Amino acid sequence: MFDTLPGFREFPPDACAQRNHLFRVFRTVARAFDFQEYDVPLLEPLDLYLEKSGEEIASQLFHFEDKGGRKVALRPELTPTLARMIAARANSLPKPVKWFNVGEHFRYERPQKGRGRSFYQFNADLIGEPGIDADAELIALLASIFETFGLSQQDVVIRLSDRVTWVLLLDQLNISMDARPATLDAIDKSGRRKPEQTTEALEAANPGRGKELFEEINQIKELGDLESITQRLEACGEAGVLRAKEWKDLAGRLAAHGCEGMTKVDLSIVRGLAYYTGFVYEAFEATGEGRALAGGGRYDHLIKKLSGNCDLPAAGFAIGDMTLSDCLAKKNLLPRYVIAPDLYLIFGEPEREIALRLSARLRKAGHGTSYALKPQGFSKQFKEAGKSGARYALILGEEEVNQGRVKVKDMRSSTEEECMIKELVQRLEEWDTEGGISQDS
């Protein structure tokens, strides 16, 4: 007996229906924002990810040497592939580029709640627009996805921060450019670590200043509103004044989009990936429980880094299916789909070929149709029709066939009506419009 590999999931029909519900919402909302869907290979050159994230990322990947001697990896994320695609088409693509993808990803990590080795993500990216309107559009898209699932600002909060603000404030604290990446990494992990661990990390990055910086950084993290951030930034000179204005402009755009209630200023969000260059954000349950539901931000120089010749501003975010599904299930917002045919054909064995011809017509007309694959009596077929969940049972006995007619039973109301076989498709459309077969039929 073989078991599913650790960290991988199976999707029987009921679970698959719920997963596909997520995908439908992703696609519907993204298209409403005029994002276009694209797709990419599951397998990529290993160097694509090493170039972006460094050699240490290899331990987190499913990677191997293929039969052609190439070092390859199952994709752990989409951004590097997207950067390559955009760079190859940069001259021909109308700007801005608004693309989205729904696809499977793989990471060789310890499986735990909300994180598997195989997972699905919705990715949305907006490329070619440097202004804050692009950031606002993406945050509005994220908020709209949550709202479409039935999540409100009482359920979810999008915590908004800014790498530019952090760089300006770290400069004000006299943190060198060389120490900046490790310092930002310590800040990013501070919410998940004990204070002494954060102090140690800051000390390692800035020898002799660990305790001092821990206190200073905590004060910055407590700047929880636009006014206090603006005041702190305006003390950073001309660059700070400019960034303060961009904060205010972004807040105005989010209010215009109608999603300011779901967003909250939170400078404790830094995002661990070094390629982020501007506003960043993560979405969590409002209670603070669980892992991040989504995360993203601006990454203006990554395309050039990965392509070598194409410098385009870019921003984007991703939503993972596992944490989102857990959140929706907890709030009873995952619908239970009835997986059933529309129609169930009941017939005598001499009428089987006529029934099969009718089922072919019905299926071509868009009606899910089922029937017994082996000979069964009418009583057993009626029981199977009931178990199937079909809306209508179609009865084709010898008498009905001789008259070119079919008897239709509404399985919800138990009402019946006969019609000519050639008129059945039209009659089904009428009954669907009317909500079923009338009791007066």
Protein backbone atom coordinates (compact mmCIF):
# COMPACT_ATOMS: atom_id res chain seq x y z
CA MET A 1 0.00 0.00 0.00
CA PHE A 2 1.46 3.37 -1.04
CA ASP A 3 0.77 6.56 0.92
CA THR A 4 0.73 10.16 -0.32
CA LEU A 5 4.15 11.77 -0.02
CA PRO A 6 4.62 14.05 3.03
CA GLY A 7 3.45 17.58 2.35
CA PHE A 8 1.40 16.64 -0.72
CA ARG A 9 -2.39 16.58 -0.88
CA GLU A 10 -5.06 14.61 -2.69
CA PHE A 11 -8.27 16.22 -3.92
CA PRO A 12 -11.25 13.86 -4.13
CA PRO A 13 -14.27 15.41 -5.89
CA ASP A 14 -15.64 17.34 -2.88
CA ALA A 15 -12.23 18.82 -1.98
CA CYS A 16 -11.50 19.49 -5.65
CA ALA A 17 -14.79 21.40 -5.96
CA GLN A 18 -13.83 23.62 -3.02
CA ARG A 19 -10.35 24.20 -4.41
CA ASN A 20 -11.85 25.12 -7.79
CA HIS A 21 -14.17 27.55 -6.00
CA LEU A 22 -11.06 29.46 -4.89
CA PHE A 23 -9.74 29.43 -8.43
CA ARG A 24 -13.05 30.73 -9.84
CA VAL A 25 -13.08 33.66 -7.43
CA PHE A 26 -9.43 34.48 -8.17
CA ARG A 27 -10.08 34.51 -11.91
CA THR A 28 -13.39 36.40 -11.72
CA VAL A 29 -12.03 39.23 -9.56
CA ALA A 30 -8.73 39.49 -11.46
CA ARG A 31 -10.58 39.84 -14.76
CA ALA A 32 -12.82 42.51 -13.22
CA PHE A 33 -9.59 44.47 -12.60
CA ASP A 34 -8.51 43.84 -16.23
CA PHE A 35 -5.70 41.44 -15.34
CA GLN A 36 -4.91 38.79 -17.96
CA GLU A 37 -4.12 35.18 -17.17
CA TYR A 38 -0.84 33.54 -18.17
CA ASP A 39 0.88 30.23 -17.46
CA VAL A 40 4.48 29.01 -17.22
CA PRO A 41 6.38 25.70 -16.92
CA LEU A 42 6.49 23.77 -13.65
CA LEU A 43 10.15 22.94 -14.27
CA GLU A 44 12.81 25.64 -14.55
CA PRO A 45 16.62 25.88 -14.56
CA LEU A 46 17.89 25.74 -10.99
CA ASP A 47 20.11 28.79 -11.64
CA LEU A 48 17.01 30.95 -12.12
CA TYR A 49 16.24 30.64 -8.41
CA LEU A 50 19.86 30.69 -7.24
CA GLU A 51 20.39 33.99 -9.07
CA LYS A 52 17.39 35.54 -7.33
CA SER A 53 17.70 34.15 -3.82
CA GLY A 54 21.26 32.83 -3.41
CA GLU A 55 22.77 29.36 -3.03
CA GLU A 56 21.00 28.73 0.30
CA ILE A 57 17.63 28.50 -1.46
CA ALA A 58 18.65 25.16 -2.99
CA SER A 59 17.96 23.31 0.27
CA GLN A 60 14.33 24.45 0.08
CA LEU A 61 13.74 23.26 -3.49
CA PHE A 62 12.86 20.03 -5.24
CA HIS A 63 15.83 20.02 -7.63
CA PHE A 64 17.69 17.37 -9.60
CA GLU A 65 19.66 16.73 -12.76
CA ASP A 66 17.53 15.74 -15.74
CA LYS A 67 18.44 13.21 -18.43
CA GLY A 68 20.09 15.95 -20.48
CA GLY A 69 22.45 16.79 -17.62
CA ARG A 70 20.67 20.05 -16.83
CA LYS A 71 20.19 21.16 -13.21
CA VAL A 72 16.49 21.87 -12.85
CA ALA A 73 13.95 22.61 -10.10
CA LEU A 74 10.21 22.46 -9.61
CA ARG A 75 9.07 26.06 -9.34
CA PRO A 76 8.83 27.32 -5.72
CA GLU A 77 7.46 30.70 -6.80
CA LEU A 78 6.50 32.59 -9.94
CA THR A 79 8.34 35.91 -9.85
CA PRO A 80 11.64 34.79 -11.47
CA THR A 81 9.82 33.10 -14.36
CA LEU A 82 7.59 36.14 -14.82
CA ALA A 83 10.64 38.42 -14.87
CA ARG A 84 12.22 36.28 -17.59
CA MET A 85 9.00 36.28 -19.66
CA ILE A 86 8.53 40.03 -19.38
CA ALA A 87 12.16 40.77 -20.23
CA ALA A 88 11.96 38.63 -23.38
CA ARG A 89 8.86 40.51 -24.56
CA ALA A 90 9.49 43.94 -23.06
CA ASN A 91 9.59 45.85 -26.36
CA SER A 92 6.35 44.39 -27.71
CA LEU A 93 4.19 44.42 -24.57
CA PRO A 94 1.85 47.39 -24.03
CA LYS A 95 2.46 48.95 -20.63
CA PRO A 96 1.45 48.56 -17.95
CA VAL A 97 1.44 44.75 -17.95
CA LYS A 98 -1.32 43.37 -15.71
CA TRP A 99 -1.00 39.59 -15.49
CA PHE A 100 -2.19 36.90 -13.11
CA ASN A 101 -1.64 33.18 -12.66
CA VAL A 102 -3.24 30.37 -10.68
CA GLY A 103 -0.83 27.47 -10.37
CA GLU A 104 0.93 24.82 -8.31
CA HIS A 105 4.27 25.40 -6.58
CA PHE A 106 6.70 23.23 -4.64
CA ARG A 107 9.00 23.79 -1.68
CA TYR A 108 11.00 21.18 0.18
CA GLU A 109 10.17 22.36 3.70
CA ARG A 110 8.89 20.74 6.85
CA PRO A 111 5.12 20.25 6.37
CA GLN A 112 3.01 22.02 8.97
CA LYS A 113 -0.43 23.59 9.31
CA GLY A 114 -0.96 26.07 6.51
CA ARG A 115 2.22 25.05 4.69
CA GLY A 116 2.81 22.02 2.49
CA ARG A 117 5.45 20.93 0.04
CA SER A 118 2.93 21.27 -2.78
CA PHE A 119 0.57 24.25 -2.77
CA TYR A 120 -1.40 26.49 -5.09
CA GLN A 121 -0.99 30.23 -5.39
CA PHE A 122 -2.76 33.12 -7.03
CA ASN A 123 -0.18 35.62 -8.29
CA ALA A 124 -1.00 39.09 -9.59
CA ASP A 125 1.66 41.45 -10.94
CA LEU A 126 1.56 44.94 -12.42
CA ILE A 127 4.67 45.84 -14.42
CA GLY A 128 5.75 49.06 -16.12
CA GLU A 129 4.11 51.58 -13.78
CA PRO A 130 6.34 53.20 -11.10
CA GLY A 131 3.68 55.29 -9.36
CA ILE A 132 1.64 54.53 -6.26
CA ASP A 133 -1.48 53.97 -8.37
CA ALA A 134 -0.06 50.55 -9.27
CA ASP A 135 0.41 49.71 -5.58
CA ALA A 136 -3.12 50.89 -4.82
CA GLU A 137 -4.58 48.84 -7.69
CA LEU A 138 -2.95 45.66 -6.39
CA ILE A 139 -4.00 46.24 -2.78
CA ALA A 140 -7.55 46.97 -3.99
CA LEU A 141 -7.51 43.72 -5.98
CA LEU A 142 -6.38 41.80 -2.89
CA ALA A 143 -9.09 43.40 -0.74
CA SER A 144 -11.72 42.69 -3.39
CA ILE A 145 -10.74 39.01 -3.50
CA PHE A 146 -11.20 38.75 0.26
CA GLU A 147 -14.56 40.54 0.09
CA THR A 148 -15.77 38.26 -2.71
CA PHE A 149 -15.07 35.27 -0.48
CA GLY A 150 -17.24 36.90 2.19
CA LEU A 151 -14.39 38.20 4.38
CA SER A 152 -14.78 41.70 5.82
CA GLN A 153 -12.48 44.07 7.67
CA GLN A 154 -13.62 42.32 10.87
CA ASP A 155 -12.11 39.12 9.46
CA VAL A 156 -8.97 40.22 7.60
CA VAL A 157 -6.48 43.06 7.82
CA ILE A 158 -3.90 44.03 5.18
CA ARG A 159 -0.88 45.30 7.10
CA LEU A 160 0.93 47.96 5.07
CA SER A 161 4.57 48.98 5.42
CA ASP A 162 7.35 50.45 3.28
CA ARG A 163 10.95 49.47 2.61
CA VAL A 164 11.83 53.03 1.52
CA THR A 165 10.62 54.37 4.87
CA TRP A 166 12.71 51.80 6.71
CA VAL A 167 15.82 52.63 4.69
CA LEU A 168 15.40 56.36 5.40
CA LEU A 169 14.90 55.73 9.12
CA LEU A 170 17.82 53.30 9.29
CA ASP A 171 19.99 55.91 7.61
CA GLN A 172 18.87 58.34 10.30
CA LEU A 173 20.08 55.77 12.85
CA ASN A 174 23.47 55.70 11.09
CA ILE A 175 23.20 52.08 9.98
CA SER A 176 25.57 51.46 7.13
CA MET A 177 24.49 50.18 3.74
CA ASP A 178 26.46 46.98 4.34
CA ALA A 179 24.60 46.32 7.62
CA ARG A 180 21.21 47.22 6.17
CA PRO A 181 20.17 43.79 4.74
CA ALA A 182 20.91 41.90 7.96
CA THR A 183 19.22 44.64 10.00
CA LEU A 184 16.08 44.50 7.88
CA ASP A 185 16.11 40.71 8.16
CA ALA A 186 16.25 40.99 11.96
CA ILE A 187 13.31 43.42 11.89
CA ASP A 188 11.33 41.13 9.59
CA LYS A 189 11.78 38.17 11.96
CA SER A 190 11.33 40.15 15.18
CA GLY A 191 7.62 39.38 15.44
CA ARG A 192 8.35 35.65 15.47
CA ARG A 193 11.36 35.76 17.82
CA LYS A 194 12.03 36.44 21.47
CA PRO A 195 13.37 39.98 22.18
CA GLU A 196 16.80 38.66 23.10
CA GLN A 197 17.05 36.81 19.77
CA THR A 198 16.26 40.00 17.88
CA THR A 199 18.80 41.91 19.97
CA GLU A 200 21.44 39.30 19.16
CA ALA A 201 20.68 39.54 15.44
CA LEU A 202 20.92 43.34 15.54
CA GLU A 203 24.17 43.09 17.49
CA ALA A 204 25.62 40.71 14.91
CA ALA A 205 24.75 43.16 12.13
CA ASN A 206 25.78 46.27 14.08
CA PRO A 207 28.47 45.37 16.66
CA GLY A 208 28.13 47.26 19.94
CA ARG A 209 24.67 48.65 19.11
CA GLY A 210 22.29 45.71 19.52
CA LYS A 211 20.39 46.90 22.63
CA GLU A 212 20.28 50.52 21.49
CA LEU A 213 18.93 49.59 18.05
CA PHE A 214 16.40 47.17 19.53
CA GLU A 215 14.82 50.05 21.46
CA GLU A 216 15.00 52.46 18.53
CA ILE A 217 13.47 49.96 16.12
CA ASN A 218 10.66 49.12 18.53
CA GLN A 219 9.79 52.81 18.67
CA ILE A 220 9.64 52.91 14.88
CA LYS A 221 7.45 49.78 14.76
CA GLU A 222 5.00 51.51 17.11
CA LEU A 223 4.34 54.29 14.56
CA GLY A 224 0.86 53.03 13.86
CA ASP A 225 -0.77 55.86 11.92
CA LEU A 226 -0.07 58.03 8.92
CA GLU A 227 0.46 61.21 10.91
CA SER A 228 3.20 59.79 13.14
CA ILE A 229 4.99 58.21 10.16
CA THR A 230 4.79 61.50 8.26
CA GLN A 231 6.30 63.43 11.16
CA ARG A 232 9.15 60.95 11.48
CA LEU A 233 9.83 60.96 7.73
CA GLU A 234 9.80 64.75 7.44
CA ALA A 235 12.75 64.79 9.85
CA CYS A 236 14.73 62.80 7.26
CA GLY A 237 15.14 65.68 4.84
CA GLU A 238 13.89 66.10 1.27
CA ALA A 239 13.66 62.35 0.54
CA GLY A 240 11.61 61.86 3.68
CA VAL A 241 9.22 64.69 2.79
CA LEU A 242 8.71 63.15 -0.65
CA ARG A 243 8.01 59.71 0.82
CA ALA A 244 5.60 61.16 3.36
CA LYS A 245 3.62 62.66 0.46
CA GLU A 246 3.56 59.26 -1.29
CA TRP A 247 2.21 57.67 1.89
CA LYS A 248 -0.59 60.26 1.94
CA ASP A 249 -1.28 59.78 -1.77
CA LEU A 250 -1.47 56.00 -1.34
CA ALA A 251 -3.87 56.39 1.59
CA GLY A 252 -6.07 58.60 -0.58
CA ARG A 253 -6.08 56.08 -3.43
CA LEU A 254 -6.99 53.22 -1.08
CA ALA A 255 -9.84 55.28 0.34
CA ALA A 256 -11.06 55.97 -3.20
CA HIS A 257 -10.94 52.24 -3.95
CA GLY A 258 -13.08 51.66 -0.85
CA CYS A 259 -10.60 49.38 0.88
CA GLU A 260 -9.11 51.66 3.53
CA GLY A 261 -11.10 49.82 6.21
CA MET A 262 -9.25 46.58 5.47
CA THR A 263 -5.77 48.19 5.44
CA LYS A 264 -3.70 49.19 8.45
CA VAL A 265 -0.32 50.87 8.75
CA ASP A 266 2.10 48.42 10.38
CA LEU A 267 5.84 49.04 10.08
CA SER A 268 6.61 45.67 11.67
CA ILE A 269 5.99 44.23 8.18
CA VAL A 270 9.26 44.29 6.24
CA ARG A 271 9.01 41.17 4.02
CA GLY A 272 12.06 38.96 4.22
CA LEU A 273 12.97 38.97 0.55
CA ALA A 274 15.72 41.48 -0.20
CA TYR A 275 14.39 42.42 -3.64
CA TYR A 276 11.48 44.52 -2.32
CA THR A 277 12.03 48.23 -2.97
CA GLY A 278 8.91 50.10 -1.85
CA PHE A 279 5.53 49.59 -0.25
CA VAL A 280 5.04 46.05 1.08
CA TYR A 281 2.09 44.35 2.74
CA GLU A 282 0.86 41.13 4.26
CA ALA A 283 -2.70 40.03 4.97
CA PHE A 284 -3.63 38.23 8.19
CA GLU A 285 -6.76 37.22 10.00
CA ALA A 286 -7.88 40.19 12.09
CA THR A 287 -7.46 38.10 15.25
CA GLY A 288 -3.75 37.79 14.48
CA GLU A 289 -3.99 34.01 14.44
CA GLY A 290 -2.31 31.82 11.84
CA ARG A 291 0.08 32.42 9.01
CA ALA A 292 -0.11 35.23 6.48
CA LEU A 293 -2.94 34.80 3.98
CA ALA A 294 -1.16 36.85 1.32
CA GLY A 295 1.90 39.00 0.84
CA GLY A 296 3.52 41.24 -1.72
CA GLY A 297 4.95 44.60 -2.60
CA ARG A 298 7.07 46.57 -5.05
CA TYR A 299 10.19 44.98 -6.58
CA ASP A 300 11.44 47.54 -9.08
CA HIS A 301 14.89 46.13 -9.93
CA LEU A 302 14.33 42.38 -9.94
CA ILE A 303 13.55 42.11 -13.65
CA LYS A 304 16.83 43.78 -14.51
CA LYS A 305 18.72 41.57 -12.06
CA LEU A 306 17.33 38.40 -13.64
CA SER A 307 17.40 39.54 -17.26
CA GLY A 308 20.48 41.74 -17.26
CA ASN A 309 19.07 44.21 -19.79
CA CYS A 310 15.49 45.17 -18.95
CA ASP A 311 14.80 47.58 -16.11
CA LEU A 312 11.06 47.85 -15.53
CA PRO A 313 9.23 48.91 -12.35
CA ALA A 314 7.14 46.09 -10.94
CA ALA A 315 4.84 45.17 -8.06
CA GLY A 316 2.78 42.14 -7.18
CA PHE A 317 1.40 39.80 -4.53
CA ALA A 318 0.55 36.16 -3.98
CA ILE A 319 -2.21 34.33 -2.08
CA GLY A 320 -1.66 30.75 -0.95
CA ASP A 321 -4.57 28.32 -1.09
CA MET A 322 -3.80 26.49 2.17
CA THR A 323 -3.97 29.36 4.65
CA LEU A 324 -6.89 30.92 2.78
CA SER A 325 -8.84 27.65 2.80
CA ASP A 326 -8.22 27.24 6.53
CA CYS A 327 -9.48 30.79 7.17
CA LEU A 328 -12.62 30.34 5.05
CA ALA A 329 -13.39 26.96 6.61
CA LYS A 330 -13.05 28.41 10.12
CA LYS A 331 -15.61 31.09 9.23
CA ASN A 332 -17.93 28.67 7.39
CA LEU A 333 -17.36 30.49 4.10
CA LEU A 334 -16.38 27.48 2.00
CA PRO A 335 -19.46 26.39 0.03
CA ARG A 336 -20.47 22.75 -0.08
CA TYR A 337 -20.94 21.86 -3.70
CA VAL A 338 -23.52 19.27 -4.75
CA ILE A 339 -21.71 17.15 -7.31
CA ALA A 340 -24.56 15.68 -9.33
CA PRO A 341 -25.76 15.27 -12.91
CA ASP A 342 -28.61 17.42 -14.18
CA LEU A 343 -30.49 14.46 -15.61
CA TYR A 344 -30.75 10.72 -14.95
CA LEU A 345 -32.10 8.50 -17.73
CA ILE A 346 -34.27 5.53 -16.77
CA PHE A 347 -35.10 3.01 -19.50
CA GLY A 348 -35.77 -0.61 -20.35
CA GLU A 349 -32.94 -2.60 -21.89
CA PRO A 350 -34.59 -2.70 -25.36
CA GLU A 351 -34.60 1.13 -25.29
CA ARG A 352 -30.91 1.48 -24.35
CA GLU A 353 -29.63 2.65 -27.75
CA ILE A 354 -32.44 5.19 -28.07
CA ALA A 355 -31.59 6.40 -24.56
CA LEU A 356 -27.92 6.67 -25.46
CA ARG A 357 -28.74 8.77 -28.54
CA LEU A 358 -30.88 11.00 -26.36
CA SER A 359 -28.11 11.33 -23.75
CA ALA A 360 -25.68 12.38 -26.50
CA ARG A 361 -28.08 15.15 -27.59
CA LEU A 362 -28.59 16.31 -24.01
CA ARG A 363 -24.87 16.38 -23.25
CA LYS A 364 -24.17 18.40 -26.39
CA ALA A 365 -26.83 20.84 -25.21
CA GLY A 366 -24.90 21.28 -21.96
CA HIS A 367 -26.89 19.04 -19.61
CA GLY A 368 -24.91 16.68 -17.36
CA THR A 369 -26.55 13.31 -17.98
CA SER A 370 -26.10 9.93 -16.29
CA TYR A 371 -27.68 6.46 -16.47
CA ALA A 372 -27.07 2.85 -15.38
CA LEU A 373 -24.19 1.31 -17.30
CA LYS A 374 -25.48 -2.24 -16.81
CA PRO A 375 -29.02 -3.65 -17.12
CA GLN A 376 -31.21 -2.83 -14.10
CA GLY A 377 -34.89 -2.94 -13.34
CA PHE A 378 -36.90 0.27 -13.26
CA SER A 379 -37.18 0.18 -9.47
CA LYS A 380 -33.40 0.01 -9.00
CA GLN A 381 -32.89 2.76 -11.57
CA PHE A 382 -35.31 5.06 -9.74
CA LYS A 383 -33.34 4.49 -6.53
CA GLU A 384 -30.07 5.28 -8.32
CA ALA A 385 -31.62 8.44 -9.79
CA GLY A 386 -32.50 9.57 -6.27
CA LYS A 387 -29.01 8.83 -4.97
CA SER A 388 -27.38 10.66 -7.86
CA GLY A 389 -28.83 14.02 -6.84
CA ALA A 390 -30.09 14.69 -10.38
CA ARG A 391 -32.74 17.39 -10.75
CA TYR A 392 -34.80 15.45 -13.29
CA ALA A 393 -35.34 11.77 -14.03
CA LEU A 394 -36.18 10.98 -17.65
CA ILE A 395 -38.23 7.83 -18.17
CA LEU A 396 -38.08 6.04 -21.51
CA GLY A 397 -40.27 2.95 -21.43
CA GLU A 398 -41.59 0.97 -24.38
CA GLU A 399 -44.81 2.96 -24.48
CA GLU A 400 -43.06 6.35 -24.37
CA VAL A 401 -40.61 5.38 -27.12
CA ASN A 402 -43.40 4.13 -29.40
CA GLN A 403 -45.08 7.52 -29.06
CA GLY A 404 -41.84 9.50 -29.46
CA ARG A 405 -42.30 10.88 -25.98
CA VAL A 406 -40.39 11.00 -22.68
CA LYS A 407 -41.71 11.26 -19.13
CA VAL A 408 -39.88 13.79 -16.97
CA LYS A 409 -39.96 13.67 -13.16
CA ASP A 410 -38.87 16.66 -11.09
CA MET A 411 -36.91 14.98 -8.28
CA ARG A 412 -37.43 17.94 -5.93
CA SER A 413 -41.20 18.26 -6.18
CA SER A 414 -42.01 14.73 -7.47
CA THR A 415 -44.18 16.31 -10.18
CA GLU A 416 -44.16 14.76 -13.64
CA GLU A 417 -44.81 15.89 -17.19
CA GLU A 418 -44.56 14.26 -20.60
CA CYS A 419 -43.24 15.92 -23.73
CA MET A 420 -42.12 14.95 -27.21
CA ILE A 421 -38.51 13.75 -27.27
CA LYS A 422 -37.63 16.28 -29.97
CA GLU A 423 -38.91 19.10 -27.72
CA LEU A 424 -37.10 17.95 -24.57
CA VAL A 425 -34.13 20.33 -24.73
CA GLN A 426 -36.41 23.35 -25.14
CA ARG A 427 -38.72 22.18 -22.35
CA LEU A 428 -35.77 21.69 -19.98
CA GLU A 429 -34.72 25.29 -20.59
CA GLU A 430 -38.28 26.46 -19.83
CA TRP A 431 -38.45 24.42 -16.60
CA ASP A 432 -35.09 25.77 -15.48
CA THR A 433 -36.35 29.32 -16.06
CA GLU A 434 -39.58 28.56 -14.16
CA GLY A 435 -37.77 26.86 -11.27
CA GLY A 436 -38.96 23.34 -12.06
CA ILE A 437 -42.03 21.50 -13.29
CA SER A 438 -45.22 23.18 -12.09
CA GLN A 439 -47.49 21.33 -9.66
CA ASP A 440 -50.32 22.04 -12.10
CA SER A 441 -48.63 20.10 -14.95
